PDB file of N, CA and C in Angstrom:
ATOM      1  N   MET A   1      95.939  98.792  59.922  1.00  0.00           N
ATOM      2  CA  MET A   1      95.684  97.960  61.079  1.00  0.00           C
ATOM      3  C   MET A   1      96.654  98.349  62.189  1.00  0.00           C
ATOM      4  N   SER A   2      96.150  98.423  63.368  1.00  0.00           N
ATOM      5  CA  SER A   2      97.002  98.687  64.516  1.00  0.00           C
ATOM      6  C   SER A   2      97.849  97.449  64.804  1.00  0.00           C
ATOM      7  N   ALA A   3      99.068  97.681  65.264  1.00  0.00           N
ATOM      8  CA  ALA A   3      99.951  96.563  65.612  1.00  0.00           C
ATOM      9  C   ALA A   3      99.549  95.984  66.960  1.00  0.00           C
ATOM     10  N   ALA A   4      99.679  94.681  67.089  1.00  0.00           N
ATOM     11  CA  ALA A   4      99.348  94.025  68.354  1.00  0.00           C
ATOM     12  C   ALA A   4     100.352  94.445  69.424  1.00  0.00           C
ATOM     13  N   THR A   5      99.848  94.752  70.611  1.00  0.00           N
ATOM     14  CA  THR A   5     100.703  95.156  71.726  1.00  0.00           C
ATOM     15  C   THR A   5     100.782  94.076  72.794  1.00  0.00           C
ATOM     16  N   GLY A   6     100.043  92.985  72.595  1.00  0.00           N
ATOM     17  CA  GLY A   6     100.034  91.907  73.577  1.00  0.00           C
ATOM     18  C   GLY A   6      99.048  92.128  74.706  1.00  0.00           C
ATOM     19  N   GLN A   7      98.222  93.161  74.580  1.00  0.00           N
ATOM     20  CA  GLN A   7      97.235  93.480  75.613  1.00  0.00           C
ATOM     21  C   GLN A   7      95.857  92.967  75.182  1.00  0.00           C
ATOM     22  N   TRP A   8      95.738  91.669  75.042  1.00  0.00           N
ATOM     23  CA  TRP A   8      94.495  91.046  74.584  1.00  0.00           C
ATOM     24  C   TRP A   8      93.441  91.096  75.677  1.00  0.00           C
ATOM     25  N   GLN A   9      92.220  91.494  75.294  1.00  0.00           N
ATOM     26  CA  GLN A   9      91.114  91.531  76.240  1.00  0.00           C
ATOM     27  C   GLN A   9      89.892  90.906  75.588  1.00  0.00           C
ATOM     28  N   GLU A  10      89.134  90.168  76.386  1.00  0.00           N
ATOM     29  CA  GLU A  10      87.936  89.523  75.850  1.00  0.00           C
ATOM     30  C   GLU A  10      86.866  90.559  75.552  1.00  0.00           C
ATOM     31  N   ALA A  11      86.333  90.489  74.335  1.00  0.00           N
ATOM     32  CA  ALA A  11      85.289  91.416  73.907  1.00  0.00           C
ATOM     33  C   ALA A  11      83.904  90.781  74.015  1.00  0.00           C
ATOM     34  N   MET A  12      83.805  89.520  73.628  1.00  0.00           N
ATOM     35  CA  MET A  12      82.555  88.751  73.712  1.00  0.00           C
ATOM     36  C   MET A  12      82.855  87.322  73.306  1.00  0.00           C
ATOM     37  N   ARG A  13      81.835  86.489  73.281  1.00  0.00           N
ATOM     38  CA  ARG A  13      81.970  85.088  72.881  1.00  0.00           C
ATOM     39  C   ARG A  13      81.595  84.952  71.409  1.00  0.00           C
ATOM     40  N   VAL A  14      82.327  84.132  70.688  1.00  0.00           N
ATOM     41  CA  VAL A  14      82.059  83.951  69.271  1.00  0.00           C
ATOM     42  C   VAL A  14      80.671  83.342  69.045  1.00  0.00           C
ATOM     43  N   ASP A  15      80.172  82.573  70.004  1.00  0.00           N
ATOM     44  CA  ASP A  15      78.822  82.001  69.892  1.00  0.00           C
ATOM     45  C   ASP A  15      77.742  83.090  69.863  1.00  0.00           C
ATOM     46  N   ASP A  16      78.068  84.292  70.353  1.00  0.00           N
ATOM     47  CA  ASP A  16      77.107  85.398  70.377  1.00  0.00           C
ATOM     48  C   ASP A  16      77.227  86.314  69.163  1.00  0.00           C
ATOM     49  N   LEU A  17      78.154  85.997  68.255  1.00  0.00           N
ATOM     50  CA  LEU A  17      78.353  86.806  67.047  1.00  0.00           C
ATOM     51  C   LEU A  17      78.282  85.882  65.839  1.00  0.00           C
ATOM     52  N   TRP A  18      77.095  85.686  65.333  1.00  0.00           N
ATOM     53  CA  TRP A  18      76.864  84.753  64.232  1.00  0.00           C
ATOM     54  C   TRP A  18      77.463  85.272  62.932  1.00  0.00           C
ATOM     55  N   GLU A  19      77.675  84.364  61.992  1.00  0.00           N
ATOM     56  CA  GLU A  19      78.143  84.771  60.661  1.00  0.00           C
ATOM     57  C   GLU A  19      77.177  85.801  60.092  1.00  0.00           C
ATOM     58  N   GLY A  20      77.733  86.889  59.550  1.00  0.00           N
ATOM     59  CA  GLY A  20      76.909  87.945  58.973  1.00  0.00           C
ATOM     60  C   GLY A  20      76.408  88.944  59.996  1.00  0.00           C
ATOM     61  N   ASP A  21      76.834  88.808  61.256  1.00  0.00           N
ATOM     62  CA  ASP A  21      76.409  89.716  62.330  1.00  0.00           C
ATOM     63  C   ASP A  21      77.508  90.721  62.658  1.00  0.00           C
ATOM     64  N   MET A  22      77.096  91.810  63.294  1.00  0.00           N
ATOM     65  CA  MET A  22      78.039  92.778  63.843  1.00  0.00           C
ATOM     66  C   MET A  22      77.559  93.147  65.241  1.00  0.00           C
ATOM     67  N   ALA A  23      78.493  93.626  66.062  1.00  0.00           N
ATOM     68  CA  ALA A  23      78.140  94.032  67.419  1.00  0.00           C
ATOM     69  C   ALA A  23      79.083  95.143  67.868  1.00  0.00           C
ATOM     70  N   GLY A  24      78.507  96.167  68.476  1.00  0.00           N
ATOM     71  CA  GLY A  24      79.303  97.210  69.092  1.00  0.00           C
ATOM     72  C   GLY A  24      79.595  96.821  70.531  1.00  0.00           C
ATOM     73  N   VAL A  25      80.856  96.843  70.933  1.00  0.00           N
ATOM     74  CA  VAL A  25      81.273  96.484  72.287  1.00  0.00           C
ATOM     75  C   VAL A  25      82.270  97.532  72.781  1.00  0.00           C
ATOM     76  N   GLU A  26      82.556  97.480  74.072  1.00  0.00           N
ATOM     77  CA  GLU A  26      83.590  98.341  74.626  1.00  0.00           C
ATOM     78  C   GLU A  26      84.716  97.462  75.153  1.00  0.00           C
ATOM     79  N   VAL A  27      85.940  97.781  74.744  1.00  0.00           N
ATOM     80  CA  VAL A  27      87.123  97.031  75.162  1.00  0.00           C
ATOM     81  C   VAL A  27      88.127  98.032  75.712  1.00  0.00           C
ATOM     82  N   ALA A  28      88.455  97.895  76.985  1.00  0.00           N
ATOM     83  CA  ALA A  28      89.424  98.790  77.635  1.00  0.00           C
ATOM     84  C   ALA A  28      89.070 100.263  77.410  1.00  0.00           C
ATOM     85  N   GLY A  29      87.783 100.567  77.492  1.00  0.00           N
ATOM     86  CA  GLY A  29      87.328 101.944  77.357  1.00  0.00           C
ATOM     87  C   GLY A  29      87.200 102.450  75.931  1.00  0.00           C
ATOM     88  N   LYS A  30      87.467 101.603  74.929  1.00  0.00           N
ATOM     89  CA  LYS A  30      87.358 102.013  73.522  1.00  0.00           C
ATOM     90  C   LYS A  30      86.171 101.322  72.875  1.00  0.00           C
ATOM     91  N   LYS A  31      85.459 102.074  72.039  1.00  0.00           N
ATOM     92  CA  LYS A  31      84.312 101.520  71.329  1.00  0.00           C
ATOM     93  C   LYS A  31      84.817 100.749  70.105  1.00  0.00           C
ATOM     94  N   VAL A  32      84.435  99.463  70.049  1.00  0.00           N
ATOM     95  CA  VAL A  32      84.918  98.547  69.025  1.00  0.00           C
ATOM     96  C   VAL A  32      83.722  97.934  68.312  1.00  0.00           C
ATOM     97  N   LEU A  33      83.845  97.780  66.993  1.00  0.00           N
ATOM     98  CA  LEU A  33      82.846  97.086  66.198  1.00  0.00           C
ATOM     99  C   LEU A  33      83.416  95.728  65.821  1.00  0.00           C
ATOM    100  N   LEU A  34      82.715  94.660  66.184  1.00  0.00           N
ATOM    101  CA  LEU A  34      83.089  93.312  65.786  1.00  0.00           C
ATOM    102  C   LEU A  34      82.174  92.876  64.650  1.00  0.00           C
ATOM    103  N   VAL A  35      82.745  92.278  63.618  1.00  0.00           N
ATOM    104  CA  VAL A  35      81.960  91.746  62.505  1.00  0.00           C
ATOM    105  C   VAL A  35      82.404  90.318  62.234  1.00  0.00           C
ATOM    106  N   ASN A  36      81.452  89.474  61.898  1.00  0.00           N
ATOM    107  CA  ASN A  36      81.736  88.083  61.564  1.00  0.00           C
ATOM    108  C   ASN A  36      81.502  87.919  60.062  1.00  0.00           C
ATOM    109  N   VAL A  37      82.605  87.825  59.315  1.00  0.00           N
ATOM    110  CA  VAL A  37      82.556  87.686  57.863  1.00  0.00           C
ATOM    111  C   VAL A  37      82.831  86.225  57.527  1.00  0.00           C
ATOM    112  N   GLU A  38      81.775  85.484  57.248  1.00  0.00           N
ATOM    113  CA  GLU A  38      81.882  84.067  56.887  1.00  0.00           C
ATOM    114  C   GLU A  38      82.718  83.276  57.896  1.00  0.00           C
ATOM    115  N   GLY A  39      82.498  83.541  59.185  1.00  0.00           N
ATOM    116  CA  GLY A  39      83.182  82.822  60.242  1.00  0.00           C
ATOM    117  C   GLY A  39      84.504  83.430  60.671  1.00  0.00           C
ATOM    118  N   ASP A  40      84.931  84.496  59.999  1.00  0.00           N
ATOM    119  CA  ASP A  40      86.186  85.169  60.320  1.00  0.00           C
ATOM    120  C   ASP A  40      85.851  86.487  61.031  1.00  0.00           C
ATOM    121  N   VAL A  41      86.288  86.635  62.278  1.00  0.00           N
ATOM    122  CA  VAL A  41      85.930  87.820  63.067  1.00  0.00           C
ATOM    123  C   VAL A  41      86.953  88.930  62.845  1.00  0.00           C
ATOM    124  N   ARG A  42      86.455  90.133  62.617  1.00  0.00           N
ATOM    125  CA  ARG A  42      87.272  91.332  62.446  1.00  0.00           C
ATOM    126  C   ARG A  42      86.867  92.357  63.507  1.00  0.00           C
ATOM    127  N   ALA A  43      87.813  93.216  63.896  1.00  0.00           N
ATOM    128  CA  ALA A  43      87.544  94.266  64.886  1.00  0.00           C
ATOM    129  C   ALA A  43      87.974  95.608  64.316  1.00  0.00           C
ATOM    130  N   TYR A  44      87.083  96.584  64.410  1.00  0.00           N
ATOM    131  CA  TYR A  44      87.348  97.938  63.923  1.00  0.00           C
ATOM    132  C   TYR A  44      86.948  98.955  64.986  1.00  0.00           C
ATOM    133  N   GLN A  45      87.522 100.134  64.880  1.00  0.00           N
ATOM    134  CA  GLN A  45      87.057 101.238  65.714  1.00  0.00           C
ATOM    135  C   GLN A  45      85.607 101.496  65.306  1.00  0.00           C
ATOM    136  N   ASN A  46      84.724 101.620  66.291  1.00  0.00           N
ATOM    137  CA  ASN A  46      83.291 101.740  66.001  1.00  0.00           C
ATOM    138  C   ASN A  46      82.911 103.179  65.668  1.00  0.00           C
ATOM    139  N   ARG A  47      83.530 103.682  64.604  1.00  0.00           N
ATOM    140  CA  ARG A  47      83.127 104.996  64.116  1.00  0.00           C
ATOM    141  C   ARG A  47      83.525 105.132  62.662  1.00  0.00           C
ATOM    142  N   CYS A  48      82.672 105.785  61.929  1.00  0.00           N
ATOM    143  CA  CYS A  48      82.931 106.057  60.522  1.00  0.00           C
ATOM    144  C   CYS A  48      84.007 107.139  60.426  1.00  0.00           C
ATOM    145  N   PRO A  49      84.977 106.992  59.532  1.00  0.00           N
ATOM    146  CA  PRO A  49      86.010 108.016  59.409  1.00  0.00           C
ATOM    147  C   PRO A  49      85.490 109.344  58.867  1.00  0.00           C
ATOM    148  N   HIS A  50      84.275 109.363  58.358  1.00  0.00           N
ATOM    149  CA  HIS A  50      83.705 110.587  57.795  1.00  0.00           C
ATOM    150  C   HIS A  50      83.371 111.597  58.887  1.00  0.00           C
ATOM    151  N   GLN A  51      82.446 111.242  59.781  1.00  0.00           N
ATOM    152  CA  GLN A  51      82.039 112.160  60.842  1.00  0.00           C
ATOM    153  C   GLN A  51      81.870 111.448  62.176  1.00  0.00           C
ATOM    154  N   ALA A  52      82.603 110.359  62.359  1.00  0.00           N
ATOM    155  CA  ALA A  52      82.657 109.620  63.630  1.00  0.00           C
ATOM    156  C   ALA A  52      81.309 109.041  64.066  1.00  0.00           C
ATOM    157  N   TRP A  53      80.422 108.783  63.128  1.00  0.00           N
ATOM    158  CA  TRP A  53      79.126 108.189  63.458  1.00  0.00           C
ATOM    159  C   TRP A  53      79.337 106.725  63.843  1.00  0.00           C
ATOM    160  N   PRO A  54      78.660 106.196  64.875  1.00  0.00           N
ATOM    161  CA  PRO A  54      78.838 104.795  65.276  1.00  0.00           C
ATOM    162  C   PRO A  54      78.407 103.831  64.156  1.00  0.00           C
ATOM    163  N   LEU A  55      79.311 102.971  63.758  1.00  0.00           N
ATOM    164  CA  LEU A  55      79.016 102.040  62.658  1.00  0.00           C
ATOM    165  C   LEU A  55      78.010 100.966  63.045  1.00  0.00           C
ATOM    166  N   ASP A  56      77.910 100.643  64.347  1.00  0.00           N
ATOM    167  CA  ASP A  56      76.929  99.622  64.743  1.00  0.00           C
ATOM    168  C   ASP A  56      75.499 100.122  64.600  1.00  0.00           C
ATOM    169  N   GLU A  57      75.319 101.410  64.303  1.00  0.00           N
ATOM    170  CA  GLU A  57      73.988 101.950  64.027  1.00  0.00           C
ATOM    171  C   GLU A  57      73.670 101.910  62.536  1.00  0.00           C
ATOM    172  N   GLY A  58      74.600 101.348  61.748  1.00  0.00           N
ATOM    173  CA  GLY A  58      74.399 101.220  60.308  1.00  0.00           C
ATOM    174  C   GLY A  58      73.959  99.818  59.945  1.00  0.00           C
ATOM    175  N   ASP A  59      74.337  99.381  58.760  1.00  0.00           N
ATOM    176  CA  ASP A  59      73.938  98.072  58.247  1.00  0.00           C
ATOM    177  C   ASP A  59      75.167  97.234  57.902  1.00  0.00           C
ATOM    178  N   PHE A  60      74.997  95.925  57.983  1.00  0.00           N
ATOM    179  CA  PHE A  60      76.023  94.971  57.584  1.00  0.00           C
ATOM    180  C   PHE A  60      75.317  93.829  56.871  1.00  0.00           C
ATOM    181  N   ASP A  61      75.647  93.632  55.588  1.00  0.00           N
ATOM    182  CA  ASP A  61      74.985  92.589  54.801  1.00  0.00           C
ATOM    183  C   ASP A  61      75.796  91.292  54.735  1.00  0.00           C
ATOM    184  N   GLY A  62      76.818  91.187  55.591  1.00  0.00           N
ATOM    185  CA  GLY A  62      77.667  90.009  55.574  1.00  0.00           C
ATOM    186  C   GLY A  62      78.975  90.247  54.847  1.00  0.00           C
ATOM    187  N   GLU A  63      79.020  91.294  54.010  1.00  0.00           N
ATOM    188  CA  GLU A  63      80.220  91.645  53.256  1.00  0.00           C
ATOM    189  C   GLU A  63      80.566  93.123  53.366  1.00  0.00           C
ATOM    190  N   THR A  64      79.542  93.973  53.362  1.00  0.00           N
ATOM    191  CA  THR A  64      79.747  95.419  53.329  1.00  0.00           C
ATOM    192  C   THR A  64      79.118  96.079  54.545  1.00  0.00           C
ATOM    193  N   LEU A  65      79.906  96.944  55.203  1.00  0.00           N
ATOM    194  CA  LEU A  65      79.397  97.782  56.298  1.00  0.00           C
ATOM    195  C   LEU A  65      78.945  99.100  55.694  1.00  0.00           C
ATOM    196  N   THR A  66      77.765  99.555  56.071  1.00  0.00           N
ATOM    197  CA  THR A  66      77.261 100.826  55.571  1.00  0.00           C
ATOM    198  C   THR A  66      76.947 101.723  56.746  1.00  0.00           C
ATOM    199  N   CYS A  67      77.570 102.890  56.781  1.00  0.00           N
ATOM    200  CA  CYS A  67      77.317 103.863  57.840  1.00  0.00           C
ATOM    201  C   CYS A  67      75.869 104.344  57.737  1.00  0.00           C
ATOM    202  N   GLY A  68      75.178 104.362  58.851  1.00  0.00           N
ATOM    203  CA  GLY A  68      73.775 104.755  58.867  1.00  0.00           C
ATOM    204  C   GLY A  68      73.547 106.244  58.670  1.00  0.00           C
ATOM    205  N   ARG A  69      74.574 107.048  58.809  1.00  0.00           N
ATOM    206  CA  ARG A  69      74.413 108.508  58.720  1.00  0.00           C
ATOM    207  C   ARG A  69      74.472 109.024  57.283  1.00  0.00           C
ATOM    208  N   HIS A  70      75.569 108.735  56.580  1.00  0.00           N
ATOM    209  CA  HIS A  70      75.739 109.264  55.223  1.00  0.00           C
ATOM    210  C   HIS A  70      75.966 108.172  54.180  1.00  0.00           C
ATOM    211  N   LEU A  71      75.737 106.925  54.581  1.00  0.00           N
ATOM    212  CA  LEU A  71      75.775 105.765  53.686  1.00  0.00           C
ATOM    213  C   LEU A  71      77.147 105.471  53.089  1.00  0.00           C
ATOM    214  N   TRP A  72      78.220 105.860  53.777  1.00  0.00           N
ATOM    215  CA  TRP A  72      79.550 105.446  53.340  1.00  0.00           C
ATOM    216  C   TRP A  72      79.641 103.934  53.501  1.00  0.00           C
ATOM    217  N   GLU A  73      80.340 103.265  52.571  1.00  0.00           N
ATOM    218  CA  GLU A  73      80.421 101.810  52.571  1.00  0.00           C
ATOM    219  C   GLU A  73      81.870 101.333  52.703  1.00  0.00           C
ATOM    220  N   PHE A  74      82.035 100.208  53.426  1.00  0.00           N
ATOM    221  CA  PHE A  74      83.356  99.647  53.687  1.00  0.00           C
ATOM    222  C   PHE A  74      83.325  98.138  53.509  1.00  0.00           C
ATOM    223  N   ASP A  75      84.396  97.593  52.935  1.00  0.00           N
ATOM    224  CA  ASP A  75      84.559  96.153  52.847  1.00  0.00           C
ATOM    225  C   ASP A  75      84.803  95.632  54.258  1.00  0.00           C
ATOM    226  N   ALA A  76      83.936  94.756  54.739  1.00  0.00           N
ATOM    227  CA  ALA A  76      84.011  94.297  56.129  1.00  0.00           C
ATOM    228  C   ALA A  76      85.230  93.416  56.388  1.00  0.00           C
ATOM    229  N   GLU A  77      85.748  92.768  55.374  1.00  0.00           N
ATOM    230  CA  GLU A  77      86.902  91.892  55.572  1.00  0.00           C
ATOM    231  C   GLU A  77      88.202  92.684  55.714  1.00  0.00           C
ATOM    232  N   SER A  78      88.334  93.771  54.958  1.00  0.00           N
ATOM    233  CA  SER A  78      89.591  94.532  54.952  1.00  0.00           C
ATOM    234  C   SER A  78      89.491  95.898  55.628  1.00  0.00           C
ATOM    235  N   GLY A  79      88.275  96.442  55.730  1.00  0.00           N
ATOM    236  CA  GLY A  79      88.100  97.786  56.262  1.00  0.00           C
ATOM    237  C   GLY A  79      88.279  98.865  55.212  1.00  0.00           C
ATOM    238  N   GLN A  80      88.630  98.478  53.998  1.00  0.00           N
ATOM    239  CA  GLN A  80      88.852  99.432  52.912  1.00  0.00           C
ATOM    240  C   GLN A  80      87.532 100.074  52.486  1.00  0.00           C
ATOM    241  N   GLY A  81      87.580 101.377  52.199  1.00  0.00           N
ATOM    242  CA  GLY A  81      86.400 102.078  51.710  1.00  0.00           C
ATOM    243  C   GLY A  81      85.977 101.551  50.352  1.00  0.00           C
ATOM    244  N   VAL A  82      84.666 101.426  50.166  1.00  0.00           N
ATOM    245  CA  VAL A  82      84.095 101.025  48.887  1.00  0.00           C
ATOM    246  C   VAL A  82      83.511 102.260  48.213  1.00  0.00           C
ATOM    247  N   ASN A  83      82.778 103.062  48.985  1.00  0.00           N
ATOM    248  CA  ASN A  83      82.171 104.289  48.481  1.00  0.00           C
ATOM    249  C   ASN A  83      82.156 105.313  49.610  1.00  0.00           C
ATOM    250  N   PRO A  84      83.125 106.229  49.652  1.00  0.00           N
ATOM    251  CA  PRO A  84      84.215 106.429  48.700  1.00  0.00           C
ATOM    252  C   PRO A  84      85.365 105.443  48.938  1.00  0.00           C
ATOM    253  N   ALA A  85      86.194 105.291  47.909  1.00  0.00           N
ATOM    254  CA  ALA A  85      87.275 104.307  47.963  1.00  0.00           C
ATOM    255  C   ALA A  85      88.548 104.826  48.638  1.00  0.00           C
ATOM    256  N   ASN A  86      88.621 106.124  48.912  1.00  0.00           N
ATOM    257  CA  ASN A  86      89.856 106.711  49.436  1.00  0.00           C
ATOM    258  C   ASN A  86      89.875 106.820  50.961  1.00  0.00           C
ATOM    259  N   CYS A  87      89.211 105.898  51.635  1.00  0.00           N
ATOM    260  CA  CYS A  87      89.199 105.905  53.103  1.00  0.00           C
ATOM    261  C   CYS A  87      89.325 104.471  53.600  1.00  0.00           C
ATOM    262  N   ARG A  88      89.543 104.332  54.898  1.00  0.00           N
ATOM    263  CA  ARG A  88      89.716 102.999  55.488  1.00  0.00           C
ATOM    264  C   ARG A  88      89.307 103.076  56.943  1.00  0.00           C
ATOM    265  N   LEU A  89      88.739 101.972  57.447  1.00  0.00           N
ATOM    266  CA  LEU A  89      88.421 101.873  58.865  1.00  0.00           C
ATOM    267  C   LEU A  89      89.687 101.583  59.651  1.00  0.00           C
ATOM    268  N   THR A  90      89.734 102.042  60.895  1.00  0.00           N
ATOM    269  CA  THR A  90      90.832 101.713  61.796  1.00  0.00           C
ATOM    270  C   THR A  90      90.554 100.331  62.369  1.00  0.00           C
ATOM    271  N   SER A  91      91.479  99.414  62.152  1.00  0.00           N
ATOM    272  CA  SER A  91      91.266  98.038  62.615  1.00  0.00           C
ATOM    273  C   SER A  91      92.114  97.752  63.842  1.00  0.00           C
ATOM    274  N   TYR A  92      91.682  96.751  64.601  1.00  0.00           N
ATOM    275  CA  TYR A  92      92.400  96.285  65.776  1.00  0.00           C
ATOM    276  C   TYR A  92      92.732  94.807  65.586  1.00  0.00           C
ATOM    277  N   PRO A  93      93.893  94.349  66.098  1.00  0.00           N
ATOM    278  CA  PRO A  93      94.176  92.915  66.082  1.00  0.00           C
ATOM    279  C   PRO A  93      93.072  92.161  66.840  1.00  0.00           C
ATOM    280  N   CYS A  94      92.668  91.038  66.291  1.00  0.00           N
ATOM    281  CA  CYS A  94      91.546  90.278  66.845  1.00  0.00           C
ATOM    282  C   CYS A  94      91.816  88.797  66.605  1.00  0.00           C
ATOM    283  N   ARG A  95      91.442  87.970  67.582  1.00  0.00           N
ATOM    284  CA  ARG A  95      91.570  86.518  67.414  1.00  0.00           C
ATOM    285  C   ARG A  95      90.516  85.828  68.265  1.00  0.00           C
ATOM    286  N   VAL A  96      90.234  84.598  67.903  1.00  0.00           N
ATOM    287  CA  VAL A  96      89.271  83.782  68.637  1.00  0.00           C
ATOM    288  C   VAL A  96      90.044  82.633  69.274  1.00  0.00           C
ATOM    289  N   THR A  97      89.873  82.449  70.581  1.00  0.00           N
ATOM    290  CA  THR A  97      90.572  81.378  71.288  1.00  0.00           C
ATOM    291  C   THR A  97      89.873  80.036  71.040  1.00  0.00           C
ATOM    292  N   ASP A  98      90.550  78.960  71.402  1.00  0.00           N
ATOM    293  CA  ASP A  98      89.968  77.621  71.274  1.00  0.00           C
ATOM    294  C   ASP A  98      88.704  77.471  72.107  1.00  0.00           C
ATOM    295  N   SER A  99      88.596  78.252  73.187  1.00  0.00           N
ATOM    296  CA  SER A  99      87.410  78.178  74.042  1.00  0.00           C
ATOM    297  C   SER A  99      86.274  79.086  73.550  1.00  0.00           C
ATOM    298  N   GLY A 100      86.501  79.831  72.441  1.00  0.00           N
ATOM    299  CA  GLY A 100      85.439  80.637  71.851  1.00  0.00           C
ATOM    300  C   GLY A 100      85.392  82.092  72.290  1.00  0.00           C
ATOM    301  N   ALA A 101      86.411  82.570  72.974  1.00  0.00           N
ATOM    302  CA  ALA A 101      86.455  83.979  73.375  1.00  0.00           C
ATOM    303  C   ALA A 101      87.025  84.805  72.223  1.00  0.00           C
ATOM    304  N   ILE A 102      86.378  85.925  71.920  1.00  0.00           N
ATOM    305  CA  ILE A 102      86.916  86.871  70.940  1.00  0.00           C
ATOM    306  C   ILE A 102      87.792  87.846  71.713  1.00  0.00           C
ATOM    307  N   LEU A 103      89.085  87.851  71.371  1.00  0.00           N
ATOM    308  CA  LEU A 103      90.037  88.737  72.032  1.00  0.00           C
ATOM    309  C   LEU A 103      90.429  89.861  71.087  1.00  0.00           C
ATOM    310  N   VAL A 104      90.501  91.078  71.623  1.00  0.00           N
ATOM    311  CA  VAL A 104      90.876  92.247  70.838  1.00  0.00           C
ATOM    312  C   VAL A 104      92.003  92.960  71.561  1.00  0.00           C
ATOM    313  N   ASP A 105      92.949  93.467  70.799  1.00  0.00           N
ATOM    314  CA  ASP A 105      94.063  94.242  71.341  1.00  0.00           C
ATOM    315  C   ASP A 105      93.903  95.684  70.868  1.00  0.00           C
ATOM    316  N   VAL A 106      93.398  96.558  71.737  1.00  0.00           N
ATOM    317  CA  VAL A 106      93.187  97.959  71.380  1.00  0.00           C
ATOM    318  C   VAL A 106      94.398  98.820  71.744  1.00  0.00           C
ATOM    319  N   GLY A 107      95.460  98.167  72.249  1.00  0.00           N
ATOM    320  CA  GLY A 107      96.719  98.864  72.526  1.00  0.00           C
ATOM    321  C   GLY A 107      96.621  99.773  73.683  1.00  0.00           C
TER     322      GLY A 107
END
């Protein structure tokens, strides 16, 4: 996980990212994948570590992200590789404000 730098920027509203949903957004010029895992929002770099394929073009079943290109799988809560297990998604600090804004710090 990337360390927070204090440069929080609004990515979208939590009302627009339902539980079990994912969305590709751009934050400060970086492509970010937001996922809502049982009400907990996570932010990752929107590319598979295998061949940089956009993850928002894959599938998300509420728990597992699957790259649409070569079917690599990742635990959506931690970013840890499931298949193969020796990889990990690059994560960004993410939080939801009391007013419902999803903030991401891409550094």
